[in-house]
Protein backbone atom coordinates (compact mmCIF):
# COMPACT_ATOMS: atom_id res chain seq x y z
CA MET A 1 -2.79 -114.88 16.36
CA ILE A 2 -6.26 -115.07 17.89
CA LEU A 3 -8.41 -118.11 18.35
CA ILE A 4 -12.23 -117.72 18.51
CA THR A 5 -14.26 -120.34 20.19
CA GLY A 6 -18.10 -120.35 19.80
CA SER A 7 -17.29 -118.87 16.28
CA THR A 8 -20.75 -119.81 14.69
CA GLY A 9 -22.93 -118.48 17.53
CA LYS A 10 -24.75 -115.09 17.80
CA VAL A 11 -21.64 -113.38 19.14
CA GLY A 12 -18.97 -115.56 17.62
CA GLN A 13 -20.07 -114.98 13.98
CA GLN A 14 -20.17 -111.29 14.53
CA LEU A 15 -16.61 -111.36 16.09
CA VAL A 16 -15.37 -113.34 13.00
CA ALA A 17 -16.85 -110.65 10.71
CA ALA A 18 -15.32 -107.78 12.86
CA LEU A 19 -11.87 -109.27 12.93
CA LYS A 20 -12.06 -109.92 9.12
CA ALA A 21 -12.95 -106.30 8.56
CA LYS A 22 -10.03 -105.21 10.70
CA GLY A 23 -7.60 -107.49 8.92
CA ALA A 24 -6.62 -109.39 12.19
CA ALA A 25 -4.82 -112.60 12.21
CA PHE A 26 -7.10 -115.17 13.63
CA LYS A 27 -8.64 -118.66 13.30
CA ALA A 28 -11.89 -120.11 14.36
CA LEU A 29 -12.60 -123.26 16.29
CA ALA A 30 -15.37 -125.37 14.66
CA ARG A 31 -17.03 -128.29 16.45
CA SER A 32 -18.61 -129.74 13.39
CA GLU A 33 -17.66 -130.57 9.82
CA ALA A 34 -20.57 -128.32 8.60
CA SER A 35 -19.31 -125.39 10.66
CA LEU A 36 -15.81 -126.00 9.48
CA SER A 37 -16.93 -125.93 5.84
CA ALA A 38 -19.06 -122.88 6.36
CA LEU A 39 -16.26 -120.84 7.89
CA LYS A 40 -13.76 -121.92 5.19
CA ALA A 41 -16.18 -120.87 2.54
CA GLN A 42 -16.17 -117.36 4.08
CA GLY A 43 -12.33 -117.35 3.61
CA VAL A 44 -11.83 -117.85 7.33
CA GLU A 45 -8.96 -120.03 8.72
CA ALA A 46 -10.75 -122.71 10.66
CA VAL A 47 -9.66 -125.62 12.69
CA LYS A 48 -11.75 -128.65 13.97
CA GLY A 49 -11.78 -128.83 17.71
CA ASP A 50 -14.05 -128.83 20.79
CA LEU A 51 -13.65 -127.44 24.30
CA GLY A 52 -14.66 -130.90 25.53
CA ASP A 53 -11.74 -132.41 23.72
CA PRO A 54 -8.58 -131.03 25.33
CA ALA A 55 -6.23 -132.71 22.72
CA SER A 56 -8.13 -130.96 19.79
CA LEU A 57 -7.97 -127.57 21.74
CA LYS A 58 -4.34 -128.00 22.42
CA ALA A 59 -3.67 -128.51 18.68
CA ALA A 60 -5.80 -125.56 17.78
CA LEU A 61 -3.90 -123.32 20.24
CA GLN A 62 -0.55 -123.85 18.53
CA GLY A 63 0.78 -120.44 17.59
CA VAL A 64 -2.10 -118.56 19.40
CA ASP A 65 -1.36 -115.77 21.83
CA LYS A 66 -4.92 -114.59 22.36
CA LEU A 67 -8.17 -116.50 23.01
CA PHE A 68 -11.80 -115.51 22.85
CA LEU A 69 -13.58 -117.97 25.26
CA LEU A 70 -17.17 -118.78 24.83
CA SER A 71 -19.23 -121.91 25.46
CA SER A 72 -22.96 -122.41 25.58
CA ALA A 73 -22.94 -126.03 26.68
CA SER A 74 -24.80 -127.21 29.78
CA HIS A 75 -22.44 -126.77 32.87
CA PHE A 76 -20.08 -124.79 30.56
CA ASP A 77 -17.99 -123.61 33.46
CA ARG A 78 -16.26 -127.02 33.49
CA LEU A 79 -15.32 -126.77 29.87
CA GLU A 80 -14.16 -123.04 30.19
CA ILE A 81 -12.05 -123.75 33.23
CA ALA A 82 -10.29 -126.66 31.49
CA ALA A 83 -9.76 -124.52 28.37
CA ILE A 84 -8.11 -121.82 30.54
CA GLU A 85 -5.74 -124.45 31.90
CA THR A 86 -5.05 -125.66 28.34
CA ALA A 87 -4.59 -122.18 27.02
CA LYS A 88 -2.02 -121.34 29.70
CA ALA A 89 -0.05 -124.58 29.13
CA ALA A 90 -0.06 -123.76 25.28
CA GLY A 91 1.49 -120.28 25.86
CA VAL A 92 -1.57 -118.16 25.43
CA LYS A 93 -1.06 -114.68 27.01
CA HIS A 94 -4.49 -112.96 27.02
CA VAL A 95 -7.99 -114.49 27.28
CA VAL A 96 -11.21 -112.47 26.41
CA LYS A 97 -14.15 -114.26 28.08
CA LEU A 98 -17.81 -113.76 27.25
CA SER A 99 -19.61 -113.82 30.57
CA ALA A 100 -23.06 -112.35 31.38
CA GLN A 101 -24.55 -109.38 33.16
CA GLY A 102 -25.13 -110.47 36.82
CA ALA A 103 -22.43 -113.08 37.09
CA SER A 104 -21.94 -113.75 40.73
CA ALA A 105 -20.81 -116.63 42.99
CA ASP A 106 -23.79 -115.73 45.25
CA SER A 107 -26.36 -115.67 42.57
CA SER A 108 -29.50 -117.81 42.78
CA ASN A 109 -29.03 -118.44 38.97
CA PRO A 110 -26.84 -121.44 38.01
CA LEU A 111 -25.78 -119.81 34.79
CA PHE A 112 -24.49 -116.81 36.65
CA ARG A 113 -22.76 -118.94 39.23
CA ALA A 114 -21.13 -120.93 36.46
CA HIS A 115 -19.89 -117.77 34.69
CA ALA A 116 -18.54 -116.59 38.09
CA ARG A 117 -16.56 -119.80 38.66
CA ALA A 118 -15.05 -119.52 35.16
CA GLU A 119 -14.25 -115.81 35.71
CA ARG A 120 -12.49 -116.67 39.00
CA ALA A 121 -10.56 -119.46 37.39
CA LEU A 122 -9.40 -116.97 34.68
CA GLU A 123 -8.45 -114.29 37.23
CA GLU A 124 -6.41 -116.79 39.22
CA SER A 125 -4.67 -118.37 36.24
CA GLY A 126 -2.06 -115.65 35.88
CA LEU A 127 -3.19 -114.92 32.31
CA ALA A 128 -4.08 -111.43 31.29
CA PHE A 129 -7.81 -111.27 30.99
CA THR A 130 -10.77 -109.24 29.87
CA ILE A 131 -14.26 -110.20 30.87
CA LEU A 132 -17.33 -109.06 28.89
CA ARG A 133 -20.69 -109.02 30.69
CA PRO A 134 -23.51 -108.31 28.16
CA THR A 135 -27.22 -108.11 28.83
CA PHE A 136 -29.91 -109.64 26.70
CA PHE A 137 -29.21 -109.82 23.01
CA GLN A 138 -31.45 -107.99 20.47
CA GLN A 139 -30.93 -110.97 18.16
CA ASN A 140 -32.97 -113.05 20.57
CA TRP A 141 -36.10 -111.40 19.02
CA VAL A 142 -35.33 -113.06 15.77
CA ALA A 143 -33.90 -116.23 17.03
CA PHE A 144 -36.63 -117.03 19.61
CA TYR A 145 -39.73 -115.03 18.77
CA ALA A 146 -39.82 -114.28 15.01
CA HIS A 147 -41.45 -117.53 14.07
CA ALA A 148 -44.37 -117.04 16.48
CA ILE A 149 -44.93 -113.40 15.67
CA LYS A 150 -44.94 -114.15 11.97
CA ALA A 151 -47.66 -116.71 12.65
CA GLY A 152 -49.63 -114.17 14.55
CA GLN A 153 -49.02 -115.77 17.94
CA PRO A 154 -48.13 -114.08 21.26
CA VAL A 155 -44.69 -114.05 22.73
CA TYR A 156 -44.74 -116.06 26.02
CA VAL A 157 -42.06 -115.20 28.60
CA ASN A 158 -41.88 -115.21 32.38
CA ALA A 159 -40.34 -111.80 32.50
CA GLY A 160 -43.31 -109.90 33.86
CA GLU A 161 -43.02 -106.19 33.32
CA GLY A 162 -39.25 -106.25 33.84
CA ARG A 163 -37.13 -104.10 31.42
CA MET A 164 -33.88 -105.03 29.70
CA ALA A 165 -31.14 -102.85 28.14
CA TRP A 166 -31.09 -105.07 25.00
CA ILE A 167 -27.79 -105.12 23.23
CA ASP A 168 -26.90 -105.94 19.58
CA THR A 169 -24.39 -108.76 19.37
CA ARG A 170 -22.47 -106.66 16.80
CA ASP A 171 -21.61 -104.28 19.61
CA ILE A 172 -20.51 -107.06 21.85
CA ALA A 173 -18.34 -108.29 19.00
CA ALA A 174 -16.85 -104.82 18.40
CA VAL A 175 -15.75 -104.55 22.18
CA ALA A 176 -14.32 -108.10 21.93
CA ALA A 177 -12.39 -107.31 18.84
CA THR A 178 -10.98 -104.12 20.39
CA ALA A 179 -9.93 -105.98 23.47
CA LEU A 180 -8.21 -108.64 21.47
CA MET A 181 -6.47 -106.31 19.01
CA GLU A 182 -5.54 -103.24 21.23
CA PRO A 183 -3.55 -102.90 24.51
CA GLY A 184 -5.12 -101.40 27.61
CA HIS A 185 -7.97 -103.80 28.28
CA GLU A 186 -6.24 -106.33 30.37
CA GLY A 187 -7.58 -106.92 33.83
CA LEU A 188 -10.91 -105.17 33.08
CA VAL A 189 -14.53 -106.20 33.29
CA TYR A 190 -16.93 -104.57 30.96
CA ASP A 191 -20.60 -104.38 31.60
CA LEU A 192 -22.20 -104.15 28.09
CA THR A 193 -25.68 -102.86 27.31
CA GLY A 194 -27.84 -101.11 24.76
CA PRO A 195 -28.82 -97.47 25.27
CA GLU A 196 -32.47 -98.11 26.44
CA ALA A 197 -34.15 -100.48 28.84
CA LEU A 198 -37.39 -101.90 27.32
CA GLY A 199 -39.82 -104.58 28.58
CA TYR A 200 -41.30 -107.32 26.43
CA VAL A 201 -44.59 -105.33 26.29
CA ASP A 202 -42.70 -102.23 25.07
CA VAL A 203 -40.81 -104.15 22.40
CA ALA A 204 -43.99 -105.86 21.25
CA ALA A 205 -45.73 -102.60 20.90
CA ARG A 206 -42.93 -100.99 18.83
CA LEU A 207 -42.79 -104.08 16.64
CA GLY A 208 -46.57 -104.05 16.25
CA LYS A 209 -46.42 -100.48 15.06
CA LEU A 210 -43.71 -101.33 12.39
CA LEU A 211 -45.80 -104.33 11.30
CA ASP A 212 -49.16 -102.45 11.37
CA ARG A 213 -50.75 -105.22 13.49
CA GLU A 214 -50.84 -106.26 17.05
CA VAL A 215 -47.94 -108.19 18.46
CA ALA A 216 -48.94 -109.61 21.93
CA TYR A 217 -46.72 -110.40 24.88
CA VAL A 218 -48.09 -112.72 27.49
CA PRO A 219 -46.35 -112.94 30.77
CA VAL A 220 -46.37 -116.58 32.11
CA SER A 221 -45.59 -118.24 35.33
CA ASP A 222 -42.11 -119.63 36.14
CA ALA A 223 -43.53 -123.15 36.30
CA ALA A 224 -45.06 -122.82 32.81
CA ALA A 225 -41.91 -121.45 31.32
CA PHE A 226 -39.77 -124.18 32.81
CA GLN A 227 -41.98 -126.93 31.52
CA ALA A 228 -42.12 -125.30 28.08
CA MET A 229 -38.44 -125.12 27.78
CA LYS A 230 -37.89 -128.70 28.82
CA GLY A 231 -40.63 -129.70 26.38
CA MET A 232 -38.48 -128.03 23.68
CA GLY A 233 -35.52 -130.35 24.59
CA MET A 234 -33.62 -127.95 26.97
CA ASP A 235 -32.08 -129.82 29.89
CA ALA A 236 -33.37 -129.00 33.43
CA TRP A 237 -30.15 -127.23 34.52
CA TYR A 238 -30.36 -124.78 31.63
CA ALA A 239 -34.08 -124.36 31.74
CA TYR A 240 -33.89 -123.50 35.49
CA GLY A 241 -31.14 -121.05 34.71
CA MET A 242 -33.27 -119.33 32.12
CA VAL A 243 -36.36 -119.14 34.46
CA THR A 244 -34.34 -117.56 37.26
CA LEU A 245 -32.69 -115.25 34.68
CA ASN A 246 -36.20 -113.83 34.02
CA GLN A 247 -36.94 -113.66 37.79
CA GLY A 248 -33.99 -111.30 37.95
CA VAL A 249 -35.48 -109.37 35.09
CA ARG A 250 -38.57 -108.89 37.07
CA ARG A 251 -36.51 -107.54 40.07
CA GLY A 252 -34.95 -104.99 37.73
CA MET A 253 -31.61 -106.71 37.37
CA ALA A 254 -31.30 -106.07 33.63
CA GLU A 255 -32.62 -102.40 33.65
CA PRO A 256 -29.44 -100.41 34.12
CA THR A 257 -27.63 -99.12 31.05
CA THR A 258 -23.95 -98.29 30.52
CA GLY A 259 -22.01 -96.34 28.01
CA THR A 260 -19.26 -99.01 27.87
CA VAL A 261 -19.65 -99.90 24.22
CA GLU A 262 -19.06 -96.26 23.16
CA LEU A 263 -16.21 -95.92 25.73
CA VAL A 264 -14.37 -98.93 24.41
CA THR A 265 -15.09 -98.61 20.67
CA GLY A 266 -15.82 -94.97 20.10
CA ALA A 267 -19.25 -95.85 18.60
CA ALA A 268 -22.63 -95.59 20.39
CA SER A 269 -24.40 -98.89 20.96
CA ARG A 270 -27.12 -99.66 18.57
CA THR A 271 -30.76 -99.16 19.45
CA LEU A 272 -33.35 -101.90 19.47
CA ASP A 273 -35.63 -99.76 17.18
CA ALA A 274 -32.93 -99.78 14.58
CA PHE A 275 -32.44 -103.57 14.87
CA LEU A 276 -36.16 -104.26 14.52
CA GLN A 277 -36.29 -102.09 11.48
CA GLU A 278 -33.30 -103.74 9.97
CA ASN A 279 -34.75 -107.23 10.56
CA LEU A 280 -38.49 -106.47 9.95
CA ALA A 281 -38.74 -109.14 7.20
CA ALA A 282 -38.04 -111.86 9.69
CA PHE A 283 -41.42 -111.08 11.49
CA GLN A 284 -43.60 -110.47 8.37
């Protein structure tokens, strides 16, 4: 039995779909009653729980031997490290953790350092593990920028001319499902990317061609991006992490591509062009 945390997020909901399609035995952890109801309406076995509530996690882990670990909370490493300890005590054998490209204890980015701390705790736990390190999600274009583009407004990001090997979250989920269901992935770290590195100006141009109108990208300063994110309600720790993430983009950190998705799943990773075409209505 598999337990999925973060089951209603960009990756988690795709993993739910992938495991359903494969007929896997799994259940999904839901933090809210609304999420619980939504999952059950899809025919998914769902349990109420929270990584921040060890008792609820312990109950959810009963009968579970594999865990997909994901948290998007501020200072998420604390929650993930505690969850690893709870999982080990509950008899879980294998943990697949969603991390991030660039995770390192020496990084200037607090998000990457947090991922590195959780990765180290998992490696030292004695549990079998698989670590997934994806780059930027293609779905971010709908989640973060579609509203502005639809309104004819520019996309403002502090990424300069840096390029990213954007990945579809469905491909991340496919790798996670494979690692959870098939042997041979224990002790491995997978760097996951799409097939092509594109900057914001490149994606804006391609999207503009599909929409038959200009889509503008405006590079902004780190300070402006930080203040804008805090103004939208993001706490300072996470906002600083996002700003320094894009500093890394400007240095070329997110540009390398890998063939890991195809290596693990047997299917080539999806292109950003295909994603934009598929989701064009969101920008119109």
